[in-house]
Amino acid sequence: LLADSQKRQVGGGAAQAGAPLGLIGAG
C-alpha cells in the first residue's frame, strides 16, 4: 500500500511483480 513517495530505493535492482517481499527494521 506504500506510495512511491513513502519509500526510497537504495542501490539498484528492480522488483518482480507478484514475488515475495522481505522486511527488516532496527529500533
PDB file of all heavy atoms in Angstrom:
ATOM      1  N   LEU A   1       0.803  -1.222   0.000  1.00  0.00           N
ATOM      2  CA  LEU A   1       0.000   0.000   0.000  1.00  0.00           C
ATOM      3  C   LEU A   1       0.835   1.270   0.000  1.00  0.00           C
ATOM      4  O   LEU A   1       0.287   2.371  -0.086  1.00  0.00           O
ATOM      5  CB  LEU A   1      -0.945   0.002   1.216  1.00  0.00           C
ATOM      6  CG  LEU A   1      -1.927  -1.181   1.292  1.00  0.00           C
ATOM      7  CD1 LEU A   1      -2.677  -1.150   2.618  1.00  0.00           C
ATOM      8  CD2 LEU A   1      -2.897  -1.166   0.125  1.00  0.00           C
ATOM      9  N   LEU A   2       2.160   1.135   0.106  1.00  0.00           N
ATOM     10  CA  LEU A   2       3.006   2.318   0.162  1.00  0.00           C
ATOM     11  C   LEU A   2       3.099   2.983  -1.210  1.00  0.00           C
ATOM     12  O   LEU A   2       3.301   2.322  -2.229  1.00  0.00           O
ATOM     13  CB  LEU A   2       4.421   1.944   0.627  1.00  0.00           C
ATOM     14  CG  LEU A   2       4.569   1.422   2.063  1.00  0.00           C
ATOM     15  CD1 LEU A   2       6.025   1.047   2.323  1.00  0.00           C
ATOM     16  CD2 LEU A   2       4.083   2.446   3.077  1.00  0.00           C
ATOM     17  N   ALA A   3       2.950   4.301  -1.229  1.00  0.00           N
ATOM     18  CA  ALA A   3       3.158   5.064  -2.454  1.00  0.00           C
ATOM     19  C   ALA A   3       4.660   5.218  -2.707  1.00  0.00           C
ATOM     20  O   ALA A   3       5.479   5.041  -1.809  1.00  0.00           O
ATOM     21  CB  ALA A   3       2.503   6.441  -2.329  1.00  0.00           C
ATOM     22  N   ASP A   4       5.016   5.548  -3.939  1.00  0.00           N
ATOM     23  CA  ASP A   4       6.432   5.755  -4.266  1.00  0.00           C
ATOM     24  C   ASP A   4       7.054   6.837  -3.385  1.00  0.00           C
ATOM     25  O   ASP A   4       8.252   6.774  -3.071  1.00  0.00           O
ATOM     26  CB  ASP A   4       6.584   6.132  -5.739  1.00  0.00           C
ATOM     27  CG  ASP A   4       6.306   4.962  -6.675  1.00  0.00           C
ATOM     28  OD1 ASP A   4       6.317   3.813  -6.200  1.00  0.00           O
ATOM     29  OD2 ASP A   4       6.070   5.207  -7.877  1.00  0.00           O
ATOM     30  N   SER A   5       6.246   7.824  -2.995  1.00  0.00           N
ATOM     31  CA  SER A   5       6.750   8.914  -2.163  1.00  0.00           C
ATOM     32  C   SER A   5       6.979   8.489  -0.715  1.00  0.00           C
ATOM     33  O   SER A   5       7.541   9.253   0.074  1.00  0.00           O
ATOM     34  CB  SER A   5       5.766  10.088  -2.187  1.00  0.00           C
ATOM     35  OG  SER A   5       4.505   9.690  -1.649  1.00  0.00           O
ATOM     36  N   GLN A   6       6.564   7.276  -0.356  1.00  0.00           N
ATOM     37  CA  GLN A   6       6.687   6.786   1.020  1.00  0.00           C
ATOM     38  C   GLN A   6       7.805   5.761   1.173  1.00  0.00           C
ATOM     39  O   GLN A   6       7.905   5.093   2.190  1.00  0.00           O
ATOM     40  CB  GLN A   6       5.358   6.189   1.482  1.00  0.00           C
ATOM     41  CG  GLN A   6       4.249   7.232   1.582  1.00  0.00           C
ATOM     42  CD  GLN A   6       2.930   6.621   1.972  1.00  0.00           C
ATOM     43  OE1 GLN A   6       2.484   5.621   1.394  1.00  0.00           O
ATOM     44  NE2 GLN A   6       2.282   7.194   2.969  1.00  0.00           N
ATOM     45  N   LYS A   7       8.658   5.658   0.155  1.00  0.00           N
ATOM     46  CA  LYS A   7       9.806   4.761   0.231  1.00  0.00           C
ATOM     47  C   LYS A   7      10.915   5.324  -0.646  1.00  0.00           C
ATOM     48  O   LYS A   7      10.668   6.086  -1.572  1.00  0.00           O
ATOM     49  CB  LYS A   7       9.434   3.343  -0.214  1.00  0.00           C
ATOM     50  CG  LYS A   7       8.894   3.261  -1.635  1.00  0.00           C
ATOM     51  CD  LYS A   7       8.384   1.864  -1.952  1.00  0.00           C
ATOM     52  CE  LYS A   7       7.800   1.784  -3.359  1.00  0.00           C
ATOM     53  NZ  LYS A   7       7.244   0.457  -3.660  1.00  0.00           N
ATOM     54  N   ARG A   8      12.168   4.974  -0.313  1.00  0.00           N
ATOM     55  CA  ARG A   8      13.326   5.467  -1.057  1.00  0.00           C
ATOM     56  C   ARG A   8      14.214   4.284  -1.406  1.00  0.00           C
ATOM     57  O   ARG A   8      14.650   3.541  -0.519  1.00  0.00           O
ATOM     58  CB  ARG A   8      14.101   6.473  -0.205  1.00  0.00           C
ATOM     59  CG  ARG A   8      15.294   7.107  -0.925  1.00  0.00           C
ATOM     60  CD  ARG A   8      16.040   8.096  -0.048  1.00  0.00           C
ATOM     61  NE  ARG A   8      16.887   7.479   0.960  1.00  0.00           N
ATOM     62  CZ  ARG A   8      16.624   7.464   2.248  1.00  0.00           C
ATOM     63  NH1 ARG A   8      15.521   8.030   2.721  1.00  0.00           N
ATOM     64  NH2 ARG A   8      17.461   6.894   3.111  1.00  0.00           N
ATOM     65  N   GLN A   9      14.485   4.111  -2.688  1.00  0.00           N
ATOM     66  CA  GLN A   9      15.318   2.994  -3.095  1.00  0.00           C
ATOM     67  C   GLN A   9      16.788   3.310  -2.852  1.00  0.00           C
ATOM     68  O   GLN A   9      17.254   4.416  -3.108  1.00  0.00           O
ATOM     69  CB  GLN A   9      15.095   2.656  -4.576  1.00  0.00           C
ATOM     70  CG  GLN A   9      15.854   1.399  -5.013  1.00  0.00           C
ATOM     71  CD  GLN A   9      15.407   0.874  -6.362  1.00  0.00           C
ATOM     72  OE1 GLN A   9      14.418   1.343  -6.925  1.00  0.00           O
ATOM     73  NE2 GLN A   9      16.121  -0.116  -6.890  1.00  0.00           N
ATOM     74  N   VAL A  10      17.491   2.312  -2.351  1.00  0.00           N
ATOM     75  CA  VAL A  10      18.931   2.416  -2.108  1.00  0.00           C
ATOM     76  C   VAL A  10      19.614   1.360  -2.973  1.00  0.00           C
ATOM     77  O   VAL A  10      19.401   0.165  -2.784  1.00  0.00           O
ATOM     78  CB  VAL A  10      19.272   2.193  -0.629  1.00  0.00           C
ATOM     79  CG1 VAL A  10      20.784   2.238  -0.406  1.00  0.00           C
ATOM     80  CG2 VAL A  10      18.572   3.229   0.247  1.00  0.00           C
ATOM     81  N   GLY A  11      20.408   1.805  -3.931  1.00  0.00           N
ATOM     82  CA  GLY A  11      21.074   0.872  -4.822  1.00  0.00           C
ATOM     83  C   GLY A  11      20.218   0.502  -6.019  1.00  0.00           C
ATOM     84  O   GLY A  11      19.186   1.116  -6.288  1.00  0.00           O
ATOM     85  N   GLY A  12      20.653  -0.540  -6.736  1.00  0.00           N
ATOM     86  CA  GLY A  12      19.980  -0.945  -7.955  1.00  0.00           C
ATOM     87  C   GLY A  12      18.950  -2.024  -7.731  1.00  0.00           C
ATOM     88  O   GLY A  12      18.467  -2.238  -6.629  1.00  0.00           O
ATOM     89  N   GLY A  13      18.618  -2.712  -8.829  1.00  0.00           N
ATOM     90  CA  GLY A  13      17.625  -3.764  -8.764  1.00  0.00           C
ATOM     91  C   GLY A  13      16.254  -3.283  -9.172  1.00  0.00           C
ATOM     92  O   GLY A  13      15.962  -2.084  -9.157  1.00  0.00           O
ATOM     93  N   ALA A  14      15.399  -4.228  -9.540  1.00  0.00           N
ATOM     94  CA  ALA A  14      14.023  -3.918  -9.937  1.00  0.00           C
ATOM     95  C   ALA A  14      13.111  -4.996  -9.379  1.00  0.00           C
ATOM     96  O   ALA A  14      13.426  -6.195  -9.471  1.00  0.00           O
ATOM     97  CB  ALA A  14      13.906  -3.838 -11.453  1.00  0.00           C
ATOM     98  N   ALA A  15      12.000  -4.578  -8.810  1.00  0.00           N
ATOM     99  CA  ALA A  15      11.077  -5.516  -8.171  1.00  0.00           C
ATOM    100  C   ALA A  15      10.382  -6.387  -9.201  1.00  0.00           C
ATOM    101  O   ALA A  15       9.960  -5.916 -10.256  1.00  0.00           O
ATOM    102  CB  ALA A  15      10.042  -4.750  -7.357  1.00  0.00           C
ATOM    103  N   GLN A  16      10.254  -7.679  -8.897  1.00  0.00           N
ATOM    104  CA  GLN A  16       9.463  -8.590  -9.705  1.00  0.00           C
ATOM    105  C   GLN A  16       8.032  -8.585  -9.184  1.00  0.00           C
ATOM    106  O   GLN A  16       7.793  -8.776  -7.988  1.00  0.00           O
ATOM    107  CB  GLN A  16      10.032 -10.005  -9.638  1.00  0.00           C
ATOM    108  CG  GLN A  16      11.365 -10.181 -10.336  1.00  0.00           C
ATOM    109  CD  GLN A  16      11.808 -11.636 -10.370  1.00  0.00           C
ATOM    110  OE1 GLN A  16      11.056 -12.542 -10.014  1.00  0.00           O
ATOM    111  NE2 GLN A  16      13.038 -11.866 -10.799  1.00  0.00           N
ATOM    112  N   ALA A  17       7.085  -8.365 -10.055  1.00  0.00           N
ATOM    113  CA  ALA A  17       5.681  -8.344  -9.653  1.00  0.00           C
ATOM    114  C   ALA A  17       5.247  -9.713  -9.147  1.00  0.00           C
ATOM    115  O   ALA A  17       5.640 -10.753  -9.686  1.00  0.00           O
ATOM    116  CB  ALA A  17       4.821  -7.923 -10.837  1.00  0.00           C
ATOM    117  N   GLY A  18       4.433  -9.704  -8.072  1.00  0.00           N
ATOM    118  CA  GLY A  18       3.890 -10.943  -7.540  1.00  0.00           C
ATOM    119  C   GLY A  18       4.879 -11.818  -6.826  1.00  0.00           C
ATOM    120  O   GLY A  18       4.609 -12.998  -6.567  1.00  0.00           O
ATOM    121  N   ALA A  19       6.060 -11.271  -6.466  1.00  0.00           N
ATOM    122  CA  ALA A  19       7.100 -12.049  -5.776  1.00  0.00           C
ATOM    123  C   ALA A  19       7.091 -11.720  -4.291  1.00  0.00           C
ATOM    124  O   ALA A  19       6.566 -10.686  -3.866  1.00  0.00           O
ATOM    125  CB  ALA A  19       8.468 -11.733  -6.382  1.00  0.00           C
ATOM    126  N   PRO A  20       7.668 -12.581  -3.458  1.00  0.00           N
ATOM    127  CA  PRO A  20       7.738 -12.300  -2.025  1.00  0.00           C
ATOM    128  C   PRO A  20       8.484 -11.003  -1.723  1.00  0.00           C
ATOM    129  O   PRO A  20       9.392 -10.600  -2.465  1.00  0.00           O
ATOM    130  CB  PRO A  20       8.497 -13.509  -1.460  1.00  0.00           C
ATOM    131  CG  PRO A  20       8.252 -14.600  -2.443  1.00  0.00           C
ATOM    132  CD  PRO A  20       8.205 -13.918  -3.783  1.00  0.00           C
ATOM    133  N   LEU A  21       8.092 -10.369  -0.627  1.00  0.00           N
ATOM    134  CA  LEU A  21       8.736  -9.156  -0.132  1.00  0.00           C
ATOM    135  C   LEU A  21       9.359  -9.465   1.219  1.00  0.00           C
ATOM    136  O   LEU A  21       8.784 -10.204   2.028  1.00  0.00           O
ATOM    137  CB  LEU A  21       7.724  -8.022   0.028  1.00  0.00           C
ATOM    138  CG  LEU A  21       6.797  -7.704  -1.150  1.00  0.00           C
ATOM    139  CD1 LEU A  21       5.826  -6.581  -0.757  1.00  0.00           C
ATOM    140  CD2 LEU A  21       7.595  -7.324  -2.377  1.00  0.00           C
ATOM    141  N   GLY A  22      10.519  -8.876   1.493  1.00  0.00           N
ATOM    142  CA  GLY A  22      11.155  -9.017   2.798  1.00  0.00           C
ATOM    143  C   GLY A  22      11.117  -7.707   3.554  1.00  0.00           C
ATOM    144  O   GLY A  22      11.065  -6.625   2.954  1.00  0.00           O
ATOM    145  N   LEU A  23      11.136  -7.779   4.874  1.00  0.00           N
ATOM    146  CA  LEU A  23      11.066  -6.595   5.729  1.00  0.00           C
ATOM    147  C   LEU A  23      12.010  -6.762   6.907  1.00  0.00           C
ATOM    148  O   LEU A  23      12.024  -7.810   7.560  1.00  0.00           O
ATOM    149  CB  LEU A  23       9.634  -6.404   6.234  1.00  0.00           C
ATOM    150  CG  LEU A  23       9.403  -5.322   7.291  1.00  0.00           C
ATOM    151  CD1 LEU A  23       9.692  -3.930   6.727  1.00  0.00           C
ATOM    152  CD2 LEU A  23       7.978  -5.399   7.825  1.00  0.00           C
ATOM    153  N   ILE A  24      12.791  -5.710   7.169  1.00  0.00           N
ATOM    154  CA  ILE A  24      13.689  -5.710   8.321  1.00  0.00           C
ATOM    155  C   ILE A  24      13.752  -4.290   8.860  1.00  0.00           C
ATOM    156  O   ILE A  24      13.626  -3.321   8.102  1.00  0.00           O
ATOM    157  CB  ILE A  24      15.093  -6.225   7.930  1.00  0.00           C
ATOM    158  CG1 ILE A  24      15.969  -6.468   9.163  1.00  0.00           C
ATOM    159  CG2 ILE A  24      15.775  -5.289   6.933  1.00  0.00           C
ATOM    160  CD1 ILE A  24      17.231  -7.252   8.854  1.00  0.00           C
ATOM    161  N   GLY A  25      13.897  -4.147  10.163  1.00  0.00           N
ATOM    162  CA  GLY A  25      13.965  -2.799  10.713  1.00  0.00           C
ATOM    163  C   GLY A  25      14.543  -2.771  12.107  1.00  0.00           C
ATOM    164  O   GLY A  25      14.193  -3.594  12.962  1.00  0.00           O
ATOM    165  N   ALA A  26      15.462  -1.841  12.327  1.00  0.00           N
ATOM    166  CA  ALA A  26      16.134  -1.708  13.617  1.00  0.00           C
ATOM    167  C   ALA A  26      15.581  -0.520  14.378  1.00  0.00           C
ATOM    168  O   ALA A  26      15.403   0.562  13.820  1.00  0.00           O
ATOM    169  CB  ALA A  26      17.637  -1.536  13.410  1.00  0.00           C
ATOM    170  N   GLY A  27      15.310  -0.729  15.650  1.00  0.00           N
ATOM    171  CA  GLY A  27      14.861   0.326  16.549  1.00  0.00           C
ATOM    172  C   GLY A  27      15.258  -0.073  17.955  1.00  0.00           C
ATOM    173  O   GLY A  27      16.432  -0.349  18.223  1.00  0.00           O
TER     174      GLY A  27
END
